[in-house]
Amino acid sequence: MKDLRDAAWRKSSYTGQEGGTCVELANLNATVGVRDSTDPDGPVLQFGRDAVAGLLRRVKSGELDR
């Protein structure tokens, strides 16, 4: 598994000051890494760039709103 300690993790702009549910993303070249910022040594999910772009497109369009 790739060593991700030096990856440039970026916290979601929707993360509040009180902590709790925090998501961070990192550019891992061929993929995008996603992790829980409250557990930086925990698991990292990796998704293809096309999958992340498709998800963001659907979120922004409101397609996933309940």
N, C-alpha and C. Protein backbone atom coordinates (compact mmCIF):
# COMPACT_ATOMS: atom_id res chain seq x y z
N MET A 1 0.84 -1.19 0.00
CA MET A 1 0.00 0.00 0.00
C MET A 1 0.88 1.24 0.00
N LYS A 2 0.45 2.24 -0.69
CA LYS A 2 1.19 3.49 -0.81
C LYS A 2 1.21 4.24 0.54
N ASP A 3 2.36 4.82 0.86
CA ASP A 3 2.50 5.63 2.08
C ASP A 3 1.83 6.98 1.83
N LEU A 4 0.81 7.28 2.61
CA LEU A 4 0.02 8.49 2.39
C LEU A 4 0.31 9.59 3.42
N ARG A 5 1.33 9.41 4.24
CA ARG A 5 1.63 10.41 5.28
C ARG A 5 2.00 11.77 4.69
N ASP A 6 2.62 11.78 3.52
CA ASP A 6 3.05 13.04 2.92
C ASP A 6 2.02 13.62 1.95
N ALA A 7 0.88 12.98 1.82
CA ALA A 7 -0.17 13.50 0.93
C ALA A 7 -0.68 14.83 1.48
N ALA A 8 -1.07 15.73 0.60
CA ALA A 8 -1.61 17.03 0.99
C ALA A 8 -3.11 16.89 1.20
N TRP A 9 -3.53 16.66 2.42
CA TRP A 9 -4.94 16.46 2.75
C TRP A 9 -5.63 17.81 2.92
N ARG A 10 -6.82 17.91 2.36
CA ARG A 10 -7.62 19.15 2.47
C ARG A 10 -8.95 18.83 3.13
N LYS A 11 -9.26 19.57 4.17
CA LYS A 11 -10.50 19.35 4.92
C LYS A 11 -11.67 20.03 4.20
N SER A 12 -12.82 19.40 4.27
CA SER A 12 -14.03 19.95 3.67
C SER A 12 -14.32 21.34 4.24
N SER A 13 -14.76 22.26 3.39
CA SER A 13 -15.13 23.61 3.84
C SER A 13 -16.40 23.58 4.69
N TYR A 14 -17.12 22.46 4.69
CA TYR A 14 -18.35 22.34 5.48
C TYR A 14 -18.08 21.79 6.87
N THR A 15 -16.83 21.52 7.19
CA THR A 15 -16.47 21.02 8.51
C THR A 15 -16.61 22.14 9.53
N GLY A 16 -17.33 21.87 10.61
CA GLY A 16 -17.54 22.87 11.64
C GLY A 16 -16.39 22.92 12.62
N GLN A 17 -16.38 23.95 13.44
CA GLN A 17 -15.34 24.13 14.46
C GLN A 17 -15.47 23.12 15.59
N GLU A 18 -16.67 22.57 15.79
CA GLU A 18 -16.90 21.67 16.92
C GLU A 18 -16.40 20.26 16.68
N GLY A 19 -15.88 19.98 15.51
CA GLY A 19 -15.36 18.64 15.22
C GLY A 19 -16.48 17.71 14.79
N GLY A 20 -16.31 16.44 15.06
CA GLY A 20 -17.34 15.48 14.68
C GLY A 20 -17.07 14.89 13.32
N THR A 21 -18.04 15.00 12.44
CA THR A 21 -17.92 14.37 11.12
C THR A 21 -17.13 15.26 10.18
N CYS A 22 -15.89 14.91 9.97
CA CYS A 22 -14.98 15.70 9.13
C CYS A 22 -14.42 14.81 8.02
N VAL A 23 -14.43 15.33 6.82
CA VAL A 23 -13.92 14.59 5.67
C VAL A 23 -12.74 15.35 5.08
N GLU A 24 -11.70 14.61 4.71
CA GLU A 24 -10.55 15.19 4.03
C GLU A 24 -10.32 14.46 2.71
N LEU A 25 -9.86 15.22 1.72
CA LEU A 25 -9.53 14.67 0.41
C LEU A 25 -8.07 14.95 0.10
N ALA A 26 -7.47 14.07 -0.71
CA ALA A 26 -6.09 14.28 -1.14
C ALA A 26 -5.94 13.84 -2.59
N ASN A 27 -5.16 14.59 -3.35
CA ASN A 27 -4.81 14.23 -4.71
C ASN A 27 -3.74 13.15 -4.62
N LEU A 28 -4.07 11.95 -5.07
CA LEU A 28 -3.12 10.84 -5.04
C LEU A 28 -2.72 10.46 -6.47
N ASN A 29 -2.63 11.44 -7.32
CA ASN A 29 -2.29 11.29 -8.73
C ASN A 29 -3.40 10.59 -9.50
N ALA A 30 -3.39 9.28 -9.58
CA ALA A 30 -4.39 8.56 -10.38
C ALA A 30 -5.74 8.47 -9.67
N THR A 31 -5.74 8.65 -8.35
CA THR A 31 -6.99 8.55 -7.59
C THR A 31 -7.13 9.74 -6.64
N VAL A 32 -8.30 9.81 -6.00
CA VAL A 32 -8.57 10.80 -4.96
C VAL A 32 -8.75 10.03 -3.66
N GLY A 33 -8.00 10.40 -2.63
CA GLY A 33 -8.11 9.75 -1.33
C GLY A 33 -9.13 10.46 -0.47
N VAL A 34 -9.88 9.69 0.31
CA VAL A 34 -10.89 10.23 1.22
C VAL A 34 -10.66 9.58 2.58
N ARG A 35 -10.61 10.40 3.62
CA ARG A 35 -10.44 9.85 4.97
C ARG A 35 -11.21 10.70 5.98
N ASP A 36 -11.36 10.14 7.16
CA ASP A 36 -11.97 10.81 8.30
C ASP A 36 -10.87 11.62 8.98
N SER A 37 -11.01 12.93 9.04
CA SER A 37 -9.94 13.76 9.60
C SER A 37 -9.76 13.55 11.10
N THR A 38 -10.76 12.99 11.78
CA THR A 38 -10.61 12.71 13.21
C THR A 38 -9.80 11.43 13.44
N ASP A 39 -9.51 10.68 12.37
CA ASP A 39 -8.73 9.45 12.46
C ASP A 39 -7.71 9.42 11.31
N PRO A 40 -6.72 10.33 11.33
CA PRO A 40 -5.79 10.43 10.20
C PRO A 40 -4.95 9.19 9.95
N ASP A 41 -4.82 8.32 10.94
CA ASP A 41 -4.08 7.08 10.75
C ASP A 41 -4.99 5.92 10.38
N GLY A 42 -6.28 6.21 10.24
CA GLY A 42 -7.25 5.17 9.92
C GLY A 42 -7.29 4.88 8.43
N PRO A 43 -8.32 4.19 8.00
CA PRO A 43 -8.42 3.77 6.60
C PRO A 43 -8.61 4.95 5.65
N VAL A 44 -8.13 4.76 4.42
CA VAL A 44 -8.29 5.74 3.34
C VAL A 44 -9.00 5.04 2.19
N LEU A 45 -10.08 5.63 1.75
CA LEU A 45 -10.76 5.14 0.55
C LEU A 45 -10.16 5.85 -0.64
N GLN A 46 -10.00 5.15 -1.76
CA GLN A 46 -9.47 5.75 -2.98
C GLN A 46 -10.47 5.54 -4.10
N PHE A 47 -10.78 6.63 -4.80
CA PHE A 47 -11.74 6.61 -5.89
C PHE A 47 -11.09 7.18 -7.15
N GLY A 48 -11.49 6.67 -8.29
CA GLY A 48 -11.02 7.22 -9.55
C GLY A 48 -11.51 8.65 -9.74
N ARG A 49 -10.75 9.42 -10.46
CA ARG A 49 -11.11 10.83 -10.69
C ARG A 49 -12.46 10.98 -11.38
N ASP A 50 -12.75 10.11 -12.33
CA ASP A 50 -14.04 10.19 -13.03
C ASP A 50 -15.20 9.93 -12.08
N ALA A 51 -15.03 8.99 -11.16
CA ALA A 51 -16.08 8.69 -10.19
C ALA A 51 -16.33 9.89 -9.27
N VAL A 52 -15.28 10.54 -8.81
CA VAL A 52 -15.42 11.70 -7.93
C VAL A 52 -16.07 12.86 -8.70
N ALA A 53 -15.62 13.08 -9.93
CA ALA A 53 -16.22 14.16 -10.74
C ALA A 53 -17.70 13.90 -10.98
N GLY A 54 -18.06 12.65 -11.24
CA GLY A 54 -19.47 12.30 -11.44
C GLY A 54 -20.30 12.53 -10.19
N LEU A 55 -19.76 12.15 -9.04
CA LEU A 55 -20.47 12.37 -7.78
C LEU A 55 -20.67 13.85 -7.53
N LEU A 56 -19.62 14.65 -7.71
CA LEU A 56 -19.74 16.10 -7.49
C LEU A 56 -20.76 16.73 -8.43
N ARG A 57 -20.77 16.28 -9.66
CA ARG A 57 -21.74 16.79 -10.64
C ARG A 57 -23.17 16.49 -10.17
N ARG A 58 -23.41 15.27 -9.70
CA ARG A 58 -24.75 14.89 -9.22
C ARG A 58 -25.14 15.66 -7.98
N VAL A 59 -24.19 15.87 -7.06
CA VAL A 59 -24.49 16.63 -5.84
C VAL A 59 -24.84 18.07 -6.19
N LYS A 60 -24.03 18.70 -7.04
CA LYS A 60 -24.26 20.10 -7.41
C LYS A 60 -25.56 20.30 -8.16
N SER A 61 -25.99 19.31 -8.93
CA SER A 61 -27.23 19.43 -9.70
C SER A 61 -28.47 19.22 -8.83
N GLY A 62 -28.28 18.70 -7.61
CA GLY A 62 -29.40 18.44 -6.73
C GLY A 62 -30.02 17.06 -6.96
N GLU A 63 -29.44 16.28 -7.84
CA GLU A 63 -29.99 14.96 -8.16
C GLU A 63 -30.08 14.04 -6.94
N LEU A 64 -29.22 14.22 -5.97
CA LEU A 64 -29.18 13.35 -4.81
C LEU A 64 -29.93 13.92 -3.61
N ASP A 65 -30.56 15.08 -3.77
CA ASP A 65 -31.34 15.67 -2.67
C ASP A 65 -32.56 14.82 -2.38
N ARG A 66 -32.92 14.76 -1.14
CA ARG A 66 -34.11 13.99 -0.76
C ARG A 66 -35.33 14.85 -0.82
